[in-house]
Amino acid sequence: MKNITKRIIALFAVVCVAASSFAGCGDKESSSKSASSEEAVVQMPLEIGSAKDGNAIGTAPAELTTSAPAATTTAAAEDTTEIEDVTDADGQPVTTVAVVTDASGAAVTDAAGSTVTEVVKVTTVVNKPAATAEAPTTAAVKYESKQDGRYAMWLDISKDENFFFEGDFLHIVFKVKEGIPDGDYKVRISPDLSDVAGTAVYPSKVIDGTVRVNKGNIDAIDVSGESGMVFYGSNVACKQGDTIDCYINIKNNTGLVAFVIWFYFDSNALEFVSAEASGEYKKIARDTEVGAGGKSAAAAE
């Protein structure tokens, strides 16, 4: 396995299976023994962390560290000239009678030899001075994204059985930053999964979520036709300054005891606020005992 998080998850599960003969996490007979003396509590409660945590799990995939920081550049301001219609006191265009000319500039005449005229709007050339501190104008802005990531990690092999939860299971809160360009911003998902046998589980499809900022509505992700295991985000329509709820979801869960799920996003556009368990998984996460190295599902900055 190339991804270190997959190896770590698989190792935990394999250790539990190997210890089943004496720890109560393998066969049903041993699991029925006294919990006080035999039952293995091999659990890691849901933990939300970031690439800044400095541990093996908290090391972001390489693609999270390649983007340049945000930068804005302002176009040089110059004087401009524009042609505008002249209007009267009521705001109506002022017109005049003008002689029609041909391509050479000569007056056009009709069959009787009379000069042809037409009614035209009166226009004027207006000078538009460059913006100053006293009279600013909108300047061109160059926007660059900056990728950041968080991971959600959980493991529970104390019961020697897989967990089957469906629908949304991770609730993520973002604050949409002011001043960002209108557009679509991806919330990418990268899951590493294991079942109780210590086998890496691979979803048939992973669908990223989209945060649509000030560009109208966006359809929800449709997984109704999917027959395999699918991990998918949520599509959210919002405006600059909004606080939004995003979810990571699962369909056709074949059974899991552990995951490390990275979700990453443009931190120049979205400010991570918090993440927590949700849906059917919330009770599973709550029932997972706090053990060594674990921490609650709170925002990790």
Protein backbone atom coordinates (compact mmCIF):
# COMPACT_ATOMS: atom_id res chain seq x y z
CA MET A 1 0.00 0.00 0.00
CA LYS A 2 1.43 3.33 -1.00
CA ASN A 3 -0.47 5.49 1.47
CA ILE A 4 0.88 5.38 5.01
CA THR A 5 -2.57 5.83 6.51
CA LYS A 6 -3.74 2.62 4.84
CA ARG A 7 -0.82 0.74 6.32
CA ILE A 8 -1.51 2.11 9.78
CA ILE A 9 -5.21 1.22 9.65
CA ALA A 10 -4.50 -2.26 8.32
CA LEU A 11 -1.84 -2.81 11.00
CA PHE A 12 -4.24 -1.99 13.82
CA ALA A 13 -6.85 -4.36 12.45
CA VAL A 14 -4.36 -7.16 11.79
CA VAL A 15 -3.01 -6.87 15.33
CA CYS A 16 -6.52 -7.28 16.70
CA VAL A 17 -7.25 -10.32 14.55
CA ALA A 18 -3.92 -11.90 15.49
CA ALA A 19 -4.70 -11.35 19.16
CA SER A 20 -8.21 -12.78 18.92
CA SER A 21 -7.27 -16.06 20.62
CA PHE A 22 -6.64 -14.30 23.91
CA ALA A 23 -8.12 -10.82 23.58
CA GLY A 24 -11.71 -11.57 22.68
CA CYS A 25 -11.80 -9.78 19.32
CA GLY A 26 -11.77 -12.84 17.06
CA ASP A 27 -14.10 -15.79 17.70
CA LYS A 28 -17.52 -15.57 19.28
CA GLU A 29 -16.59 -17.91 22.14
CA SER A 30 -13.78 -15.74 23.45
CA SER A 31 -15.83 -12.57 22.93
CA SER A 32 -18.43 -13.86 25.35
CA LYS A 33 -15.94 -14.04 28.22
CA SER A 34 -15.76 -11.55 31.03
CA ALA A 35 -15.11 -8.07 29.73
CA SER A 36 -13.12 -7.22 32.82
CA SER A 37 -10.49 -9.88 32.16
CA GLU A 38 -10.62 -10.86 28.50
CA GLU A 39 -12.22 -8.20 26.29
CA ALA A 40 -9.79 -6.11 24.28
CA VAL A 41 -10.67 -2.45 24.08
CA VAL A 42 -8.88 -1.50 20.89
CA GLN A 43 -10.48 1.80 20.02
CA MET A 44 -9.55 5.21 18.74
CA PRO A 45 -12.35 7.78 19.03
CA LEU A 46 -13.11 10.09 16.13
CA GLU A 47 -10.30 12.58 15.81
CA ILE A 48 -10.19 15.63 13.56
CA GLY A 49 -6.70 16.85 12.77
CA SER A 50 -4.68 18.88 10.30
CA ALA A 51 -1.42 18.62 8.42
CA LYS A 52 0.10 20.87 11.08
CA ASP A 53 -0.32 18.30 13.85
CA GLY A 54 3.11 16.80 13.17
CA ASN A 55 2.22 13.10 13.42
CA ALA A 56 2.17 10.28 10.87
CA ILE A 57 -1.57 10.47 10.28
CA GLY A 58 -1.48 14.26 10.23
CA THR A 59 0.79 14.47 7.21
CA ALA A 60 -1.17 15.77 4.26
CA PRO A 61 -0.95 14.04 0.87
CA ALA A 62 1.61 15.69 -1.42
CA GLU A 63 -1.04 17.40 -3.52
CA LEU A 64 -2.07 19.49 -0.52
CA THR A 65 1.26 21.31 -0.31
CA THR A 66 1.87 22.39 -3.87
CA SER A 67 -0.31 25.48 -4.22
CA ALA A 68 1.10 28.97 -3.90
CA PRO A 69 -0.33 31.36 -1.30
CA ALA A 70 -2.95 33.85 -2.32
CA ALA A 71 -1.86 37.04 -4.02
CA THR A 72 -3.70 40.05 -5.35
CA THR A 73 -2.44 42.43 -8.02
CA THR A 74 -3.98 45.74 -9.02
CA ALA A 75 -3.98 46.90 -12.63
CA ALA A 76 -2.29 50.23 -13.33
CA ALA A 77 -4.85 53.02 -13.50
CA GLU A 78 -4.90 55.25 -16.62
CA ASP A 79 -7.06 58.10 -17.95
CA THR A 80 -9.72 56.93 -20.41
CA THR A 81 -12.15 58.59 -22.83
CA GLU A 82 -15.72 57.49 -23.52
CA ILE A 83 -18.43 58.63 -25.93
CA GLU A 84 -21.69 59.34 -24.10
CA ASP A 85 -25.16 60.48 -25.21
CA VAL A 86 -26.13 64.05 -24.33
CA THR A 87 -29.38 64.20 -22.33
CA ASP A 88 -31.76 67.02 -21.44
CA ALA A 89 -33.02 68.04 -18.00
CA ASP A 90 -35.48 65.15 -18.03
CA GLY A 91 -32.79 62.62 -18.86
CA GLN A 92 -33.99 62.16 -22.44
CA PRO A 93 -31.47 61.93 -25.32
CA VAL A 94 -30.91 65.17 -27.23
CA THR A 95 -31.28 64.74 -31.01
CA THR A 96 -30.39 66.75 -34.08
CA VAL A 97 -30.90 66.57 -37.84
CA ALA A 98 -27.76 65.46 -39.68
CA VAL A 99 -26.93 65.14 -43.39
CA VAL A 100 -26.45 61.55 -44.55
CA THR A 101 -23.09 61.03 -46.27
CA ASP A 102 -21.60 58.23 -48.33
CA ALA A 103 -18.30 56.42 -47.82
CA SER A 104 -16.36 59.31 -49.37
CA GLY A 105 -18.05 61.87 -47.11
CA ALA A 106 -20.20 63.40 -49.82
CA ALA A 107 -23.82 64.28 -49.03
CA VAL A 108 -26.37 61.75 -50.21
CA THR A 109 -29.26 63.05 -52.36
CA ASP A 110 -32.60 61.50 -53.24
CA ALA A 111 -34.14 61.05 -56.70
CA ALA A 112 -35.31 64.66 -56.72
CA GLY A 113 -31.79 65.89 -55.93
CA SER A 114 -32.61 66.91 -52.38
CA THR A 115 -30.10 66.26 -49.58
CA VAL A 116 -31.02 63.27 -47.43
CA THR A 117 -31.08 63.89 -43.67
CA GLU A 118 -31.73 61.81 -40.56
CA VAL A 119 -32.38 62.38 -36.87
CA VAL A 120 -29.42 61.27 -34.70
CA LYS A 121 -28.52 61.42 -31.01
CA VAL A 122 -26.13 64.12 -29.91
CA THR A 123 -22.99 62.63 -28.31
CA THR A 124 -20.00 64.02 -26.48
CA VAL A 125 -16.52 62.75 -25.61
CA VAL A 126 -15.99 62.49 -21.86
CA ASN A 127 -12.58 62.19 -20.22
CA LYS A 128 -12.44 59.66 -17.34
CA PRO A 129 -9.47 60.42 -15.06
CA ALA A 130 -7.52 57.62 -13.41
CA ALA A 131 -8.55 56.57 -9.92
CA THR A 132 -6.96 58.34 -6.98
CA ALA A 133 -7.04 57.83 -3.23
CA GLU A 134 -9.88 60.35 -3.14
CA ALA A 135 -11.76 58.74 -6.04
CA PRO A 136 -10.99 55.01 -6.10
CA THR A 137 -12.27 52.68 -8.76
CA THR A 138 -12.64 48.91 -9.06
CA ALA A 139 -9.29 47.38 -10.04
CA ALA A 140 -8.55 44.06 -11.63
CA VAL A 141 -7.71 41.38 -9.06
CA LYS A 142 -5.80 38.15 -9.62
CA TYR A 143 -6.91 35.31 -7.34
CA GLU A 144 -4.87 32.22 -6.47
CA SER A 145 -6.09 29.30 -4.39
CA LYS A 146 -4.27 27.77 -1.43
CA GLN A 147 -4.97 24.12 -0.62
CA ASP A 148 -5.36 23.04 2.99
CA GLY A 149 -6.60 19.80 4.51
CA ARG A 150 -8.02 18.10 7.58
CA TYR A 151 -8.28 14.42 8.40
CA ALA A 152 -10.96 12.50 10.26
CA MET A 153 -9.60 9.33 11.89
CA TRP A 154 -11.48 6.58 13.75
CA LEU A 155 -10.94 2.95 14.71
CA ASP A 156 -13.03 0.49 16.75
CA ILE A 157 -12.21 -3.23 16.67
CA SER A 158 -13.24 -3.93 20.25
CA LYS A 159 -16.40 -5.74 19.16
CA ASP A 160 -14.72 -7.85 16.43
CA GLU A 161 -17.36 -6.84 13.94
CA ASN A 162 -17.85 -4.37 11.13
CA PHE A 163 -19.98 -1.25 11.45
CA PHE A 164 -22.62 -0.56 8.82
CA PHE A 165 -23.64 3.09 8.76
CA GLU A 166 -25.20 4.90 5.79
CA GLY A 167 -25.78 8.47 4.65
CA ASP A 168 -24.00 11.46 6.11
CA PHE A 169 -21.43 10.64 8.79
CA LEU A 170 -19.12 13.68 8.95
CA HIS A 171 -20.46 17.22 9.38
CA ILE A 172 -18.04 19.99 8.41
CA VAL A 173 -18.60 23.70 8.99
CA PHE A 174 -16.88 26.33 6.84
CA LYS A 175 -16.98 30.12 6.85
CA VAL A 176 -16.99 31.53 3.31
CA LYS A 177 -14.53 34.39 3.21
CA GLU A 178 -15.48 37.91 2.19
CA GLY A 179 -14.06 39.37 -1.00
CA ILE A 180 -13.43 36.11 -2.85
CA PRO A 181 -14.44 35.75 -6.51
CA ASP A 182 -17.78 34.22 -7.41
CA GLY A 183 -17.42 30.63 -8.53
CA ASP A 184 -17.24 26.94 -7.58
CA TYR A 185 -14.81 25.73 -4.90
CA LYS A 186 -14.17 22.00 -4.50
CA VAL A 187 -14.12 20.12 -1.20
CA ARG A 188 -12.08 17.07 -2.18
CA ILE A 189 -12.34 13.71 -0.39
CA SER A 190 -9.67 11.03 -0.04
CA PRO A 191 -10.75 8.00 2.06
CA ASP A 192 -8.52 5.22 3.46
CA LEU A 193 -10.63 2.39 4.88
CA SER A 194 -10.31 -0.98 6.60
CA ASP A 195 -12.67 -3.79 7.59
CA VAL A 196 -12.39 -6.01 10.68
CA ALA A 197 -10.17 -8.52 8.86
CA GLY A 198 -7.52 -5.84 8.38
CA THR A 199 -8.23 -5.65 4.66
CA ALA A 200 -8.08 -2.30 2.91
CA VAL A 201 -11.50 -1.36 1.52
CA TYR A 202 -11.72 0.60 -1.72
CA PRO A 203 -14.92 2.46 -2.66
CA SER A 204 -16.07 2.08 -6.23
CA LYS A 205 -16.45 5.85 -6.54
CA VAL A 206 -15.48 9.02 -4.67
CA ILE A 207 -17.36 12.23 -5.59
CA ASP A 208 -16.04 15.58 -4.37
CA GLY A 209 -18.34 18.24 -2.99
CA THR A 210 -18.72 21.76 -4.40
CA VAL A 211 -19.26 25.09 -2.68
CA ARG A 212 -20.90 27.45 -5.20
CA VAL A 213 -20.36 31.07 -4.20
CA ASN A 214 -22.80 33.68 -5.51
CA LYS A 215 -23.53 31.87 -8.79
CA GLY A 216 -27.06 30.62 -8.17
CA ASN A 217 -28.31 27.19 -7.15
CA ILE A 218 -26.48 23.89 -7.51
CA ASP A 219 -28.05 20.44 -7.73
CA ALA A 220 -27.42 17.89 -4.99
CA ILE A 221 -25.11 15.00 -5.83
CA ASP A 222 -27.22 12.13 -7.17
CA VAL A 223 -26.05 8.64 -6.15
CA SER A 224 -29.40 6.93 -6.60
CA GLY A 225 -28.08 4.85 -9.48
CA GLU A 226 -24.88 3.70 -7.74
CA SER A 227 -24.64 0.01 -6.79
CA GLY A 228 -21.13 -0.04 -5.28
CA MET A 229 -19.75 1.70 -2.21
CA VAL A 230 -19.67 5.44 -2.81
CA PHE A 231 -18.14 8.25 -0.76
CA TYR A 232 -19.49 11.65 -1.71
CA GLY A 233 -19.52 15.23 -0.51
CA SER A 234 -22.32 17.76 -0.61
CA ASN A 235 -23.07 20.63 -2.96
CA VAL A 236 -23.83 23.96 -1.28
CA ALA A 237 -24.93 27.28 -2.78
CA CYS A 238 -23.99 30.32 -0.70
CA LYS A 239 -22.64 33.86 -0.69
CA GLN A 240 -19.48 35.49 0.56
CA GLY A 241 -19.60 35.77 4.35
CA ASP A 242 -21.95 32.80 4.89
CA THR A 243 -21.31 30.00 7.37
CA ILE A 244 -22.15 26.72 5.64
CA ASP A 245 -22.69 23.06 6.52
CA CYS A 246 -21.02 20.44 4.35
CA TYR A 247 -21.22 16.66 4.76
CA ILE A 248 -19.24 13.59 3.81
CA ASN A 249 -21.57 10.72 3.01
CA ILE A 250 -21.41 7.00 2.31
CA LYS A 251 -23.70 4.71 0.32
CA ASN A 252 -23.64 0.89 0.23
CA ASN A 253 -21.26 0.54 3.16
CA THR A 254 -19.82 -2.99 3.03
CA GLY A 255 -18.62 -2.79 6.64
CA LEU A 256 -15.86 -0.74 8.29
CA VAL A 257 -13.96 -0.66 11.55
CA ALA A 258 -11.51 2.13 10.74
CA PHE A 259 -10.96 5.08 8.47
CA VAL A 260 -8.67 7.99 7.80
CA ILE A 261 -10.53 10.43 5.57
CA TRP A 262 -8.82 13.53 4.25
CA PHE A 263 -10.99 16.41 3.11
CA TYR A 264 -9.23 19.35 1.58
CA PHE A 265 -10.26 22.73 0.32
CA ASP A 266 -9.19 26.20 -0.79
CA SER A 267 -8.31 27.93 2.46
CA ASN A 268 -8.14 31.32 0.75
CA ALA A 269 -11.86 30.94 0.07
CA LEU A 270 -13.09 28.70 2.93
CA GLU A 271 -12.18 28.96 6.59
CA PHE A 272 -12.43 25.63 8.43
CA VAL A 273 -14.54 26.04 11.58
CA SER A 274 -15.26 22.55 12.94
CA ALA A 275 -16.05 18.93 12.12
CA GLU A 276 -17.97 16.25 14.00
CA ALA A 277 -19.73 12.91 13.62
CA SER A 278 -23.25 12.97 12.20
CA GLY A 279 -26.09 10.71 11.07
CA GLU A 280 -26.11 7.00 11.96
CA TYR A 281 -22.37 7.14 12.63
CA LYS A 282 -22.77 9.68 15.43
CA LYS A 283 -23.82 7.03 17.98
CA ILE A 284 -20.99 4.73 16.89
CA ALA A 285 -18.46 7.52 17.37
CA ARG A 286 -19.99 8.43 20.73
CA ASP A 287 -19.82 4.81 21.93
CA THR A 288 -16.14 4.52 21.00
CA GLU A 289 -14.26 4.91 24.26
CA VAL A 290 -11.59 7.53 24.66
CA GLY A 291 -8.22 5.80 24.67
CA ALA A 292 -4.57 6.62 24.37
CA GLY A 293 -3.83 9.13 21.63
CA GLY A 294 -7.48 9.94 21.02
CA LYS A 295 -9.19 13.27 21.24
CA SER A 296 -12.66 14.62 20.68
CA ALA A 297 -14.12 15.57 17.32
CA ALA A 298 -13.31 19.26 17.65
CA ALA A 299 -11.66 21.62 15.24
CA ALA A 300 -7.88 21.18 15.11
CA GLU A 301 -5.99 24.26 14.11
